[in-house]
Amino acid sequence: MLSLLFVNSREVSWREKEPGSLFVNLSLLPALLNSTCLHSLSPLSDLPHSTNRTYVCRVRLDRIDFDSLKVLLFHNICGCVVHEHSGGLQCSFCKCACQSGCAHGFQLHLAITDASAKVFAWCVGQTAVEFLQISPDEYLELPEDERAMYLYALQNENFMVAIANASKRVNDCAMNDGLPVWEITRAQRCE
């Protein structure tokens, strides 16, 4: 038997026969962008400044600056950034020692636009790979001048994105300055 409880518009908790519950963030589901029953398209100008709801928008990639893309180490288990400490590598989320079990991933700040507005946002992991259309390891193999040209060539590509106000969750993002911090949780290239 399954009972649903909607929390914050896009998060669901359900109970099954076994004890306990499970939280699922629907904004991270791959089907979100393809399932119109889960969303309606919103223009960027409709994004409110004080909610944590996820919006789905059809956008154009306006720009990716060379210095706004970082290739970092991510913990394979939880997907969070790994930092170097005196004892070696440690996950920033679960605090596990990560001598192995890490992989390169992207942290990307970008500008997206539609006919109504322009928004600055960030994304990590697979979502950033969708925008860049290249793996972190392939990107690192490119000479530095080719990396800049590659990023420039991505301008004006069209995407369907799931975007949410992440101001409350980001404490070290350089874009805050009292403005909303938008996180793109899913992205899919479209024509």
N, C-alpha and C. Protein backbone atom coordinates (compact mmCIF):
# COMPACT_ATOMS: atom_id res chain seq x y z
N MET A 1 0.85 -1.18 0.00
CA MET A 1 0.00 0.00 0.00
C MET A 1 0.88 1.23 0.00
N LEU A 2 0.53 2.22 -0.80
CA LEU A 2 1.33 3.40 -0.99
C LEU A 2 0.50 4.63 -0.66
N SER A 3 1.00 5.48 0.22
CA SER A 3 0.31 6.75 0.50
C SER A 3 1.27 7.88 0.18
N LEU A 4 0.80 8.92 -0.49
CA LEU A 4 1.64 10.02 -0.94
C LEU A 4 1.39 11.26 -0.11
N LEU A 5 2.45 12.00 0.16
CA LEU A 5 2.38 13.28 0.85
C LEU A 5 3.25 14.25 0.07
N PHE A 6 2.68 15.32 -0.47
CA PHE A 6 3.44 16.29 -1.23
C PHE A 6 3.99 17.35 -0.29
N VAL A 7 5.29 17.62 -0.40
CA VAL A 7 5.97 18.59 0.42
C VAL A 7 6.68 19.56 -0.51
N ASN A 8 6.50 20.85 -0.31
CA ASN A 8 7.17 21.88 -1.12
C ASN A 8 6.96 21.68 -2.62
N SER A 9 5.80 21.30 -3.02
CA SER A 9 5.37 21.20 -4.41
C SER A 9 5.98 20.06 -5.20
N ARG A 10 7.27 19.73 -5.01
CA ARG A 10 7.91 18.75 -5.87
C ARG A 10 8.60 17.62 -5.10
N GLU A 11 8.46 17.55 -3.80
CA GLU A 11 9.06 16.46 -3.05
C GLU A 11 7.95 15.56 -2.53
N VAL A 12 8.18 14.29 -2.56
CA VAL A 12 7.15 13.32 -2.19
C VAL A 12 7.71 12.37 -1.15
N SER A 13 6.90 12.03 -0.17
CA SER A 13 7.26 10.99 0.78
C SER A 13 6.18 9.93 0.72
N TRP A 14 6.56 8.68 0.74
CA TRP A 14 5.55 7.63 0.75
C TRP A 14 5.96 6.53 1.71
N ARG A 15 4.96 5.81 2.19
CA ARG A 15 5.19 4.68 3.08
C ARG A 15 4.76 3.42 2.38
N GLU A 16 5.54 2.40 2.55
CA GLU A 16 5.20 1.11 2.01
C GLU A 16 4.97 0.16 3.17
N LYS A 17 4.84 -1.12 2.89
CA LYS A 17 4.58 -2.11 3.93
C LYS A 17 5.69 -2.14 4.97
N GLU A 18 6.94 -1.94 4.54
CA GLU A 18 8.05 -1.96 5.46
C GLU A 18 8.07 -0.65 6.25
N PRO A 19 8.64 -0.67 7.45
CA PRO A 19 8.72 0.56 8.24
C PRO A 19 9.64 1.58 7.58
N GLY A 20 9.38 2.86 7.85
CA GLY A 20 10.22 3.94 7.34
C GLY A 20 9.57 4.68 6.19
N SER A 21 10.23 5.71 5.75
CA SER A 21 9.73 6.49 4.62
C SER A 21 10.92 6.89 3.77
N LEU A 22 10.62 7.38 2.59
CA LEU A 22 11.65 7.73 1.62
C LEU A 22 11.28 9.08 1.03
N PHE A 23 12.25 9.98 0.93
CA PHE A 23 12.02 11.28 0.31
C PHE A 23 12.64 11.26 -1.08
N VAL A 24 11.89 11.76 -2.04
CA VAL A 24 12.35 11.81 -3.42
C VAL A 24 12.20 13.24 -3.91
N ASN A 25 13.28 13.82 -4.41
CA ASN A 25 13.23 15.16 -4.98
C ASN A 25 12.92 15.00 -6.47
N LEU A 26 11.69 15.30 -6.86
CA LEU A 26 11.26 15.11 -8.24
C LEU A 26 12.04 15.98 -9.23
N SER A 27 12.62 17.09 -8.77
CA SER A 27 13.36 17.95 -9.68
C SER A 27 14.61 17.27 -10.22
N LEU A 28 15.05 16.18 -9.58
CA LEU A 28 16.23 15.46 -10.05
C LEU A 28 15.90 14.28 -10.95
N LEU A 29 14.62 13.97 -11.11
CA LEU A 29 14.23 12.83 -11.93
C LEU A 29 14.48 13.11 -13.41
N PRO A 30 15.10 12.19 -14.13
CA PRO A 30 15.32 12.39 -15.57
C PRO A 30 14.01 12.59 -16.33
N ALA A 31 12.93 11.98 -15.88
CA ALA A 31 11.65 12.07 -16.59
C ALA A 31 10.99 13.44 -16.45
N LEU A 32 11.44 14.26 -15.52
CA LEU A 32 10.79 15.55 -15.28
C LEU A 32 10.67 16.39 -16.55
N LEU A 33 11.74 16.46 -17.33
CA LEU A 33 11.73 17.33 -18.51
C LEU A 33 10.89 16.78 -19.65
N ASN A 34 10.67 15.47 -19.67
CA ASN A 34 9.92 14.85 -20.76
C ASN A 34 8.47 14.56 -20.41
N SER A 35 8.09 14.71 -19.17
CA SER A 35 6.74 14.35 -18.72
C SER A 35 5.94 15.60 -18.42
N THR A 36 5.11 16.00 -19.35
CA THR A 36 4.33 17.23 -19.15
C THR A 36 3.34 17.11 -18.01
N CYS A 37 3.06 15.90 -17.54
CA CYS A 37 2.17 15.76 -16.39
C CYS A 37 2.88 16.20 -15.11
N LEU A 38 4.20 16.32 -15.13
CA LEU A 38 4.96 16.73 -13.95
C LEU A 38 5.28 18.23 -13.93
N HIS A 39 5.02 18.93 -15.03
CA HIS A 39 5.37 20.35 -15.07
C HIS A 39 4.56 21.09 -16.14
N SER A 40 4.63 22.40 -16.08
CA SER A 40 4.20 23.25 -17.18
C SER A 40 5.34 24.22 -17.45
N LEU A 41 5.54 24.61 -18.69
CA LEU A 41 6.65 25.50 -19.03
C LEU A 41 6.44 26.88 -18.44
N SER A 42 7.51 27.46 -17.94
CA SER A 42 7.48 28.80 -17.37
C SER A 42 8.52 29.66 -18.07
N PRO A 43 8.20 30.93 -18.33
CA PRO A 43 9.24 31.83 -18.84
C PRO A 43 10.16 32.22 -17.69
N LEU A 44 11.40 32.56 -17.99
CA LEU A 44 12.35 32.95 -16.96
C LEU A 44 11.88 34.17 -16.17
N SER A 45 11.12 35.04 -16.79
CA SER A 45 10.65 36.24 -16.08
C SER A 45 9.66 35.90 -14.97
N ASP A 46 9.09 34.71 -14.99
CA ASP A 46 8.14 34.30 -13.94
C ASP A 46 8.80 33.68 -12.72
N LEU A 47 10.11 33.48 -12.77
CA LEU A 47 10.78 32.87 -11.62
C LEU A 47 10.68 33.80 -10.41
N PRO A 48 10.04 33.36 -9.36
CA PRO A 48 9.94 34.20 -8.16
C PRO A 48 11.27 34.23 -7.41
N HIS A 49 11.42 35.21 -6.52
CA HIS A 49 12.67 35.37 -5.80
C HIS A 49 12.67 34.73 -4.42
N SER A 50 11.55 34.21 -3.96
CA SER A 50 11.53 33.73 -2.57
C SER A 50 10.86 32.37 -2.41
N THR A 51 11.01 31.49 -3.37
CA THR A 51 10.40 30.16 -3.25
C THR A 51 11.41 29.10 -3.61
N ASN A 52 11.18 27.88 -3.17
CA ASN A 52 12.08 26.79 -3.52
C ASN A 52 11.44 25.83 -4.51
N ARG A 53 10.42 26.27 -5.20
CA ARG A 53 9.75 25.45 -6.21
C ARG A 53 10.65 25.28 -7.43
N THR A 54 10.53 24.15 -8.10
CA THR A 54 11.29 23.89 -9.32
C THR A 54 10.44 24.27 -10.52
N TYR A 55 11.03 25.00 -11.45
CA TYR A 55 10.36 25.42 -12.68
C TYR A 55 11.01 24.72 -13.86
N VAL A 56 10.25 24.47 -14.89
CA VAL A 56 10.79 23.93 -16.13
C VAL A 56 10.66 25.02 -17.19
N CYS A 57 11.79 25.33 -17.84
CA CYS A 57 11.84 26.42 -18.81
C CYS A 57 12.58 25.96 -20.07
N ARG A 58 12.17 26.51 -21.18
CA ARG A 58 12.89 26.30 -22.44
C ARG A 58 13.77 27.53 -22.62
N VAL A 59 15.10 27.30 -22.68
CA VAL A 59 16.04 28.41 -22.67
C VAL A 59 17.09 28.25 -23.76
N ARG A 60 17.84 29.33 -23.93
CA ARG A 60 18.98 29.35 -24.84
C ARG A 60 20.21 29.63 -23.98
N LEU A 61 21.29 28.91 -24.24
CA LEU A 61 22.54 29.12 -23.52
C LEU A 61 23.14 30.43 -24.01
N ASP A 62 23.20 31.41 -23.13
CA ASP A 62 23.70 32.73 -23.51
C ASP A 62 25.22 32.76 -23.49
N ARG A 63 25.79 32.29 -22.39
CA ARG A 63 27.25 32.36 -22.32
C ARG A 63 27.78 31.48 -21.19
N ILE A 64 28.96 30.92 -21.44
CA ILE A 64 29.75 30.24 -20.41
C ILE A 64 31.13 30.87 -20.46
N ASP A 65 31.52 31.53 -19.40
CA ASP A 65 32.86 32.10 -19.35
C ASP A 65 33.87 31.01 -19.00
N PHE A 66 35.07 31.14 -19.55
CA PHE A 66 36.12 30.15 -19.32
C PHE A 66 36.40 29.97 -17.83
N ASP A 67 36.40 31.08 -17.08
CA ASP A 67 36.72 30.99 -15.65
C ASP A 67 35.53 30.61 -14.78
N SER A 68 34.36 30.40 -15.38
CA SER A 68 33.18 30.00 -14.60
C SER A 68 32.96 28.49 -14.60
N LEU A 69 33.89 27.77 -15.22
CA LEU A 69 33.84 26.31 -15.27
C LEU A 69 35.00 25.75 -14.48
N LYS A 70 34.68 24.88 -13.52
CA LYS A 70 35.72 24.23 -12.72
C LYS A 70 35.57 22.72 -12.86
N VAL A 71 36.69 22.05 -12.97
CA VAL A 71 36.72 20.59 -12.94
C VAL A 71 37.22 20.22 -11.55
N LEU A 72 36.37 19.56 -10.77
CA LEU A 72 36.67 19.20 -9.40
C LEU A 72 36.56 17.69 -9.21
N LEU A 73 37.01 17.22 -8.07
CA LEU A 73 36.80 15.82 -7.71
C LEU A 73 35.49 15.68 -6.97
N PHE A 74 34.69 14.67 -7.33
CA PHE A 74 33.41 14.40 -6.70
C PHE A 74 33.43 13.00 -6.12
N HIS A 75 32.78 12.83 -4.97
CA HIS A 75 32.67 11.54 -4.31
C HIS A 75 31.69 10.69 -5.11
N ASN A 76 32.09 9.51 -5.53
CA ASN A 76 31.24 8.65 -6.35
C ASN A 76 29.96 8.23 -5.63
N ILE A 77 30.01 8.05 -4.33
CA ILE A 77 28.85 7.54 -3.59
C ILE A 77 27.75 8.59 -3.44
N CYS A 78 28.11 9.80 -2.99
CA CYS A 78 27.06 10.80 -2.74
C CYS A 78 27.04 11.92 -3.77
N GLY A 79 28.06 12.02 -4.62
CA GLY A 79 28.07 13.01 -5.68
C GLY A 79 28.48 14.41 -5.25
N CYS A 80 29.03 14.57 -4.05
CA CYS A 80 29.43 15.89 -3.56
C CYS A 80 30.92 16.13 -3.77
N VAL A 81 31.31 17.40 -3.69
CA VAL A 81 32.69 17.81 -3.91
C VAL A 81 33.61 17.24 -2.83
N VAL A 82 34.79 16.82 -3.25
CA VAL A 82 35.82 16.30 -2.35
C VAL A 82 36.88 17.38 -2.18
N HIS A 83 37.27 17.62 -0.91
CA HIS A 83 38.30 18.62 -0.61
C HIS A 83 39.54 17.93 -0.07
N GLU A 84 40.69 18.58 -0.26
CA GLU A 84 41.93 18.04 0.27
C GLU A 84 42.12 18.55 1.69
N HIS A 85 42.38 17.62 2.60
CA HIS A 85 42.65 17.94 4.00
C HIS A 85 44.02 17.37 4.36
N SER A 86 44.49 17.66 5.56
CA SER A 86 45.81 17.18 5.99
C SER A 86 45.88 15.65 5.96
N GLY A 87 44.77 14.97 6.21
CA GLY A 87 44.74 13.52 6.20
C GLY A 87 44.47 12.92 4.84
N GLY A 88 44.34 13.72 3.81
CA GLY A 88 44.02 13.23 2.47
C GLY A 88 42.77 13.89 1.94
N LEU A 89 42.01 13.15 1.15
CA LEU A 89 40.79 13.68 0.54
C LEU A 89 39.59 13.36 1.42
N GLN A 90 38.66 14.34 1.56
CA GLN A 90 37.47 14.15 2.37
C GLN A 90 36.26 14.74 1.65
N CYS A 91 35.14 14.00 1.66
CA CYS A 91 33.90 14.47 1.04
C CYS A 91 33.34 15.63 1.85
N SER A 92 32.90 16.67 1.17
CA SER A 92 32.35 17.84 1.84
C SER A 92 30.97 17.59 2.44
N PHE A 93 30.29 16.54 2.01
CA PHE A 93 28.95 16.24 2.51
C PHE A 93 28.97 15.16 3.58
N CYS A 94 29.42 13.97 3.23
CA CYS A 94 29.35 12.84 4.16
C CYS A 94 30.60 12.70 5.01
N LYS A 95 31.62 13.52 4.77
CA LYS A 95 32.86 13.56 5.55
C LYS A 95 33.66 12.26 5.50
N CYS A 96 33.39 11.42 4.51
CA CYS A 96 34.15 10.17 4.34
C CYS A 96 35.54 10.48 3.80
N ALA A 97 36.51 9.67 4.18
CA ALA A 97 37.83 9.73 3.57
C ALA A 97 37.69 9.14 2.17
N CYS A 98 38.19 9.83 1.18
CA CYS A 98 37.96 9.44 -0.21
C CYS A 98 39.27 9.27 -0.96
N GLN A 99 40.13 8.41 -0.48
CA GLN A 99 41.40 8.19 -1.17
C GLN A 99 41.17 7.60 -2.55
N SER A 100 40.14 6.77 -2.67
CA SER A 100 39.71 6.27 -3.97
C SER A 100 38.20 6.48 -4.00
N GLY A 101 37.56 6.16 -5.07
CA GLY A 101 36.12 6.37 -5.15
C GLY A 101 35.75 7.79 -5.50
N CYS A 102 36.64 8.48 -6.22
CA CYS A 102 36.37 9.85 -6.66
C CYS A 102 36.47 9.91 -8.18
N ALA A 103 35.78 10.85 -8.76
CA ALA A 103 35.85 11.04 -10.21
C ALA A 103 35.78 12.54 -10.51
N HIS A 104 36.35 12.92 -11.63
CA HIS A 104 36.27 14.32 -12.05
C HIS A 104 34.83 14.66 -12.42
N GLY A 105 34.44 15.87 -12.12
CA GLY A 105 33.12 16.37 -12.48
C GLY A 105 33.18 17.88 -12.65
N PHE A 106 32.12 18.43 -13.23
CA PHE A 106 32.07 19.87 -13.49
C PHE A 106 31.28 20.61 -12.43
N GLN A 107 31.72 21.82 -12.14
CA GLN A 107 30.92 22.83 -11.44
C GLN A 107 30.87 23.99 -12.43
N LEU A 108 29.67 24.38 -12.83
CA LEU A 108 29.50 25.31 -13.94
C LEU A 108 28.57 26.45 -13.56
N HIS A 109 29.02 27.68 -13.82
CA HIS A 109 28.17 28.87 -13.69
C HIS A 109 27.93 29.35 -15.13
N LEU A 110 26.68 29.68 -15.45
CA LEU A 110 26.35 30.03 -16.82
C LEU A 110 25.21 31.03 -16.86
N ALA A 111 25.03 31.63 -18.01
CA ALA A 111 23.91 32.55 -18.24
C ALA A 111 22.98 31.89 -19.25
N ILE A 112 21.68 31.86 -18.89
CA ILE A 112 20.66 31.34 -19.80
C ILE A 112 19.65 32.45 -20.06
N THR A 113 18.97 32.35 -21.19
CA THR A 113 18.03 33.40 -21.55
C THR A 113 16.86 32.80 -22.31
N ASP A 114 15.75 33.52 -22.30
CA ASP A 114 14.63 33.24 -23.19
C ASP A 114 14.12 34.60 -23.66
N ALA A 115 12.97 34.65 -24.29
CA ALA A 115 12.45 35.92 -24.82
C ALA A 115 12.11 36.92 -23.71
N SER A 116 11.97 36.44 -22.47
CA SER A 116 11.49 37.31 -21.40
C SER A 116 12.55 37.80 -20.43
N ALA A 117 13.66 37.07 -20.27
CA ALA A 117 14.65 37.45 -19.25
C ALA A 117 15.96 36.70 -19.45
N LYS A 118 16.95 37.12 -18.66
CA LYS A 118 18.25 36.46 -18.61
C LYS A 118 18.51 36.11 -17.15
N VAL A 119 19.01 34.89 -16.90
CA VAL A 119 19.24 34.42 -15.54
C VAL A 119 20.63 33.82 -15.46
N PHE A 120 21.33 34.10 -14.36
CA PHE A 120 22.60 33.47 -14.07
C PHE A 120 22.33 32.31 -13.13
N ALA A 121 22.92 31.15 -13.43
CA ALA A 121 22.64 29.94 -12.66
C ALA A 121 23.90 29.10 -12.55
N TRP A 122 23.80 28.03 -11.79
CA TRP A 122 24.90 27.09 -11.65
C TRP A 122 24.37 25.68 -11.69
N CYS A 123 25.26 24.74 -11.97
CA CYS A 123 24.90 23.32 -11.96
C CYS A 123 26.18 22.51 -11.77
N VAL A 124 26.01 21.25 -11.43
CA VAL A 124 27.14 20.35 -11.23
C VAL A 124 26.83 19.00 -11.86
N GLY A 125 27.87 18.16 -11.92
CA GLY A 125 27.69 16.76 -12.30
C GLY A 125 27.12 16.54 -13.69
N GLN A 126 26.17 15.60 -13.76
CA GLN A 126 25.59 15.21 -15.04
C GLN A 126 24.85 16.35 -15.72
N THR A 127 24.26 17.25 -14.94
CA THR A 127 23.57 18.40 -15.53
C THR A 127 24.56 19.28 -16.28
N ALA A 128 25.73 19.51 -15.71
CA ALA A 128 26.76 20.29 -16.38
C ALA A 128 27.27 19.57 -17.64
N VAL A 129 27.37 18.26 -17.57
CA VAL A 129 27.78 17.48 -18.75
C VAL A 129 26.77 17.66 -19.88
N GLU A 130 25.48 17.70 -19.54
CA GLU A 130 24.44 17.91 -20.57
C GLU A 130 24.64 19.25 -21.28
N PHE A 131 24.97 20.30 -20.53
CA PHE A 131 25.22 21.60 -21.15
C PHE A 131 26.49 21.57 -22.00
N LEU A 132 27.54 20.99 -21.46
CA LEU A 132 28.84 21.03 -22.12
C LEU A 132 29.00 19.99 -23.22
N GLN A 133 28.21 18.91 -23.16
CA GLN A 133 28.24 17.86 -24.18
C GLN A 133 29.62 17.24 -24.33
N ILE A 134 30.34 17.14 -23.19
CA ILE A 134 31.67 16.54 -23.17
C ILE A 134 31.90 16.04 -21.75
N SER A 135 32.66 14.97 -21.61
CA SER A 135 32.97 14.46 -20.27
C SER A 135 34.08 15.30 -19.65
N PRO A 136 34.19 15.32 -18.34
CA PRO A 136 35.29 16.07 -17.70
C PRO A 136 36.67 15.60 -18.17
N ASP A 137 36.85 14.30 -18.31
CA ASP A 137 38.15 13.78 -18.74
C ASP A 137 38.48 14.21 -20.17
N GLU A 138 37.49 14.19 -21.06
CA GLU A 138 37.71 14.65 -22.44
C GLU A 138 38.03 16.15 -22.46
N TYR A 139 37.35 16.91 -21.61
CA TYR A 139 37.59 18.35 -21.53
C TYR A 139 39.02 18.63 -21.06
N LEU A 140 39.47 17.89 -20.05
CA LEU A 140 40.82 18.09 -19.52
C LEU A 140 41.90 17.74 -20.55
N GLU A 141 41.60 16.87 -21.50
CA GLU A 141 42.56 16.50 -22.54
C GLU A 141 42.75 17.60 -23.58
N LEU A 142 41.79 18.52 -23.69
CA LEU A 142 41.91 19.61 -24.67
C LEU A 142 42.96 20.61 -24.22
N PRO A 143 43.74 21.16 -25.16
CA PRO A 143 44.64 22.27 -24.82
C PRO A 143 43.82 23.47 -24.32
N GLU A 144 44.42 24.32 -23.50
CA GLU A 144 43.69 25.41 -22.86
C GLU A 144 43.00 26.35 -23.86
N ASP A 145 43.65 26.70 -24.97
CA ASP A 145 43.02 27.59 -25.94
C ASP A 145 41.82 26.91 -26.61
N GLU A 146 41.89 25.59 -26.82
CA GLU A 146 40.76 24.87 -27.41
C GLU A 146 39.59 24.78 -26.43
N ARG A 147 39.88 24.74 -25.13
CA ARG A 147 38.81 24.74 -24.13
C ARG A 147 37.97 26.01 -24.23
N ALA A 148 38.64 27.15 -24.35
CA ALA A 148 37.92 28.43 -24.45
C ALA A 148 37.09 28.47 -25.73
N MET A 149 37.66 28.02 -26.84
CA MET A 149 36.91 28.01 -28.11
C MET A 149 35.72 27.05 -28.02
N TYR A 150 35.92 25.92 -27.37
CA TYR A 150 34.85 24.94 -27.22
C TYR A 150 33.66 25.55 -26.47
N LEU A 151 33.94 26.24 -25.36
CA LEU A 151 32.88 26.86 -24.58
C LEU A 151 32.16 27.95 -25.38
N TYR A 152 32.91 28.72 -26.15
CA TYR A 152 32.32 29.77 -26.97
C TYR A 152 31.38 29.17 -28.02
N ALA A 153 31.74 28.02 -28.57
CA ALA A 153 30.93 27.39 -29.62
C ALA A 153 29.59 26.89 -29.10
N LEU A 154 29.44 26.74 -27.80
CA LEU A 154 28.18 26.24 -27.23
C LEU A 154 27.09 27.31 -27.12
N GLN A 155 27.46 28.58 -27.30
CA GLN A 155 26.48 29.66 -27.20
C GLN A 155 25.32 29.42 -28.17
N ASN A 156 24.14 29.85 -27.75
CA ASN A 156 22.91 29.80 -28.53
C ASN A 156 22.32 28.40 -28.69
N GLU A 157 22.86 27.40 -27.99
CA GLU A 157 22.23 26.08 -27.99
C GLU A 157 20.95 26.16 -27.15
N ASN A 158 19.92 25.41 -27.54
CA ASN A 158 18.64 25.40 -26.84
C ASN A 158 18.55 24.21 -25.89
N PHE A 159 17.96 24.47 -24.71
CA PHE A 159 17.83 23.44 -23.68
C PHE A 159 16.49 23.55 -22.99
N MET A 160 16.02 22.43 -22.50
CA MET A 160 14.92 22.37 -21.56
C MET A 160 15.59 22.16 -20.21
N VAL A 161 15.25 23.01 -19.21
CA VAL A 161 15.92 22.92 -17.92
C VAL A 161 14.90 22.89 -16.78
N ALA A 162 15.28 22.21 -15.71
CA ALA A 162 14.57 22.32 -14.43
C ALA A 162 15.44 23.22 -13.58
N ILE A 163 14.85 24.31 -13.08
CA ILE A 163 15.61 25.33 -12.35
C ILE A 163 14.90 25.66 -11.05
N ALA A 164 15.70 25.82 -9.99
CA ALA A 164 15.13 26.09 -8.66
C ALA A 164 15.95 27.16 -7.96
N ASN A 165 15.30 27.90 -7.08
CA ASN A 165 15.98 28.88 -6.26
C ASN A 165 16.74 28.13 -5.17
N ALA A 166 18.05 28.22 -5.18
CA ALA A 166 18.88 27.49 -4.23
C ALA A 166 19.59 28.42 -3.26
N SER A 167 19.08 29.63 -3.07
CA SER A 167 19.74 30.62 -2.22
C SER A 167 19.97 30.10 -0.81
N LYS A 168 19.04 29.37 -0.26
CA LYS A 168 19.16 28.89 1.11
C LYS A 168 20.15 27.74 1.23
N ARG A 169 20.43 27.04 0.14
CA ARG A 169 21.29 25.87 0.20
C ARG A 169 22.74 26.17 -0.14
N VAL A 170 23.03 27.32 -0.72
CA VAL A 170 24.38 27.61 -1.19
C VAL A 170 25.03 28.58 -0.22
N ASN A 171 26.14 28.16 0.38
CA ASN A 171 26.80 29.07 1.30
C ASN A 171 28.11 29.61 0.76
N ASP A 172 28.69 28.98 -0.24
CA ASP A 172 29.96 29.48 -0.76
C ASP A 172 29.88 29.81 -2.25
N CYS A 173 28.70 30.03 -2.78
CA CYS A 173 28.55 30.37 -4.19
C CYS A 173 28.87 31.84 -4.39
N ALA A 174 29.71 32.16 -5.33
CA ALA A 174 30.18 33.53 -5.53
C ALA A 174 29.12 34.44 -6.14
N MET A 175 27.97 33.91 -6.53
CA MET A 175 26.99 34.72 -7.24
C MET A 175 25.91 35.29 -6.33
N ASN A 176 25.94 35.08 -5.02
CA ASN A 176 24.80 35.42 -4.18
C ASN A 176 24.51 36.91 -4.11
N ASP A 177 25.35 37.73 -3.54
CA ASP A 177 25.18 39.19 -3.48
C ASP A 177 23.75 39.63 -3.20
N GLY A 178 23.00 38.90 -2.40
CA GLY A 178 21.63 39.26 -2.07
C GLY A 178 20.61 38.89 -3.13
N LEU A 179 21.06 38.40 -4.27
CA LEU A 179 20.16 38.01 -5.35
C LEU A 179 19.88 36.51 -5.25
N PRO A 180 18.80 36.06 -5.86
CA PRO A 180 18.54 34.61 -5.85
C PRO A 180 19.66 33.86 -6.54
N VAL A 181 19.95 32.70 -6.02
CA VAL A 181 20.94 31.82 -6.63
C VAL A 181 20.15 30.69 -7.28
N TRP A 182 20.21 30.59 -8.58
CA TRP A 182 19.43 29.60 -9.31
C TRP A 182 20.29 28.38 -9.61
N GLU A 183 19.76 27.22 -9.27
CA GLU A 183 20.44 25.95 -9.57
C GLU A 183 19.66 25.22 -10.65
N ILE A 184 20.35 24.80 -11.67
CA ILE A 184 19.73 23.97 -12.71
C ILE A 184 19.95 22.53 -12.30
N THR A 185 18.87 21.83 -12.01
CA THR A 185 18.96 20.46 -11.51
C THR A 185 18.92 19.43 -12.62
N ARG A 186 18.35 19.76 -13.76
CA ARG A 186 18.28 18.86 -14.91
C ARG A 186 18.40 19.74 -16.16
N ALA A 187 19.00 19.21 -17.21
CA ALA A 187 19.08 19.90 -18.50
C ALA A 187 19.05 18.88 -19.61
N GLN A 188 18.39 19.27 -20.69
CA GLN A 188 18.31 18.41 -21.86
C GLN A 188 18.37 19.27 -23.11
N ARG A 189 19.29 18.97 -23.99
CA ARG A 189 19.42 19.73 -25.23
C ARG A 189 18.20 19.49 -26.09
N CYS A 190 17.71 20.52 -26.73
CA CYS A 190 16.57 20.39 -27.64
C CYS A 190 16.78 21.29 -28.84
N GLU A 191 16.03 21.04 -29.88
CA GLU A 191 16.14 21.83 -31.11
C GLU A 191 15.28 23.06 -31.07
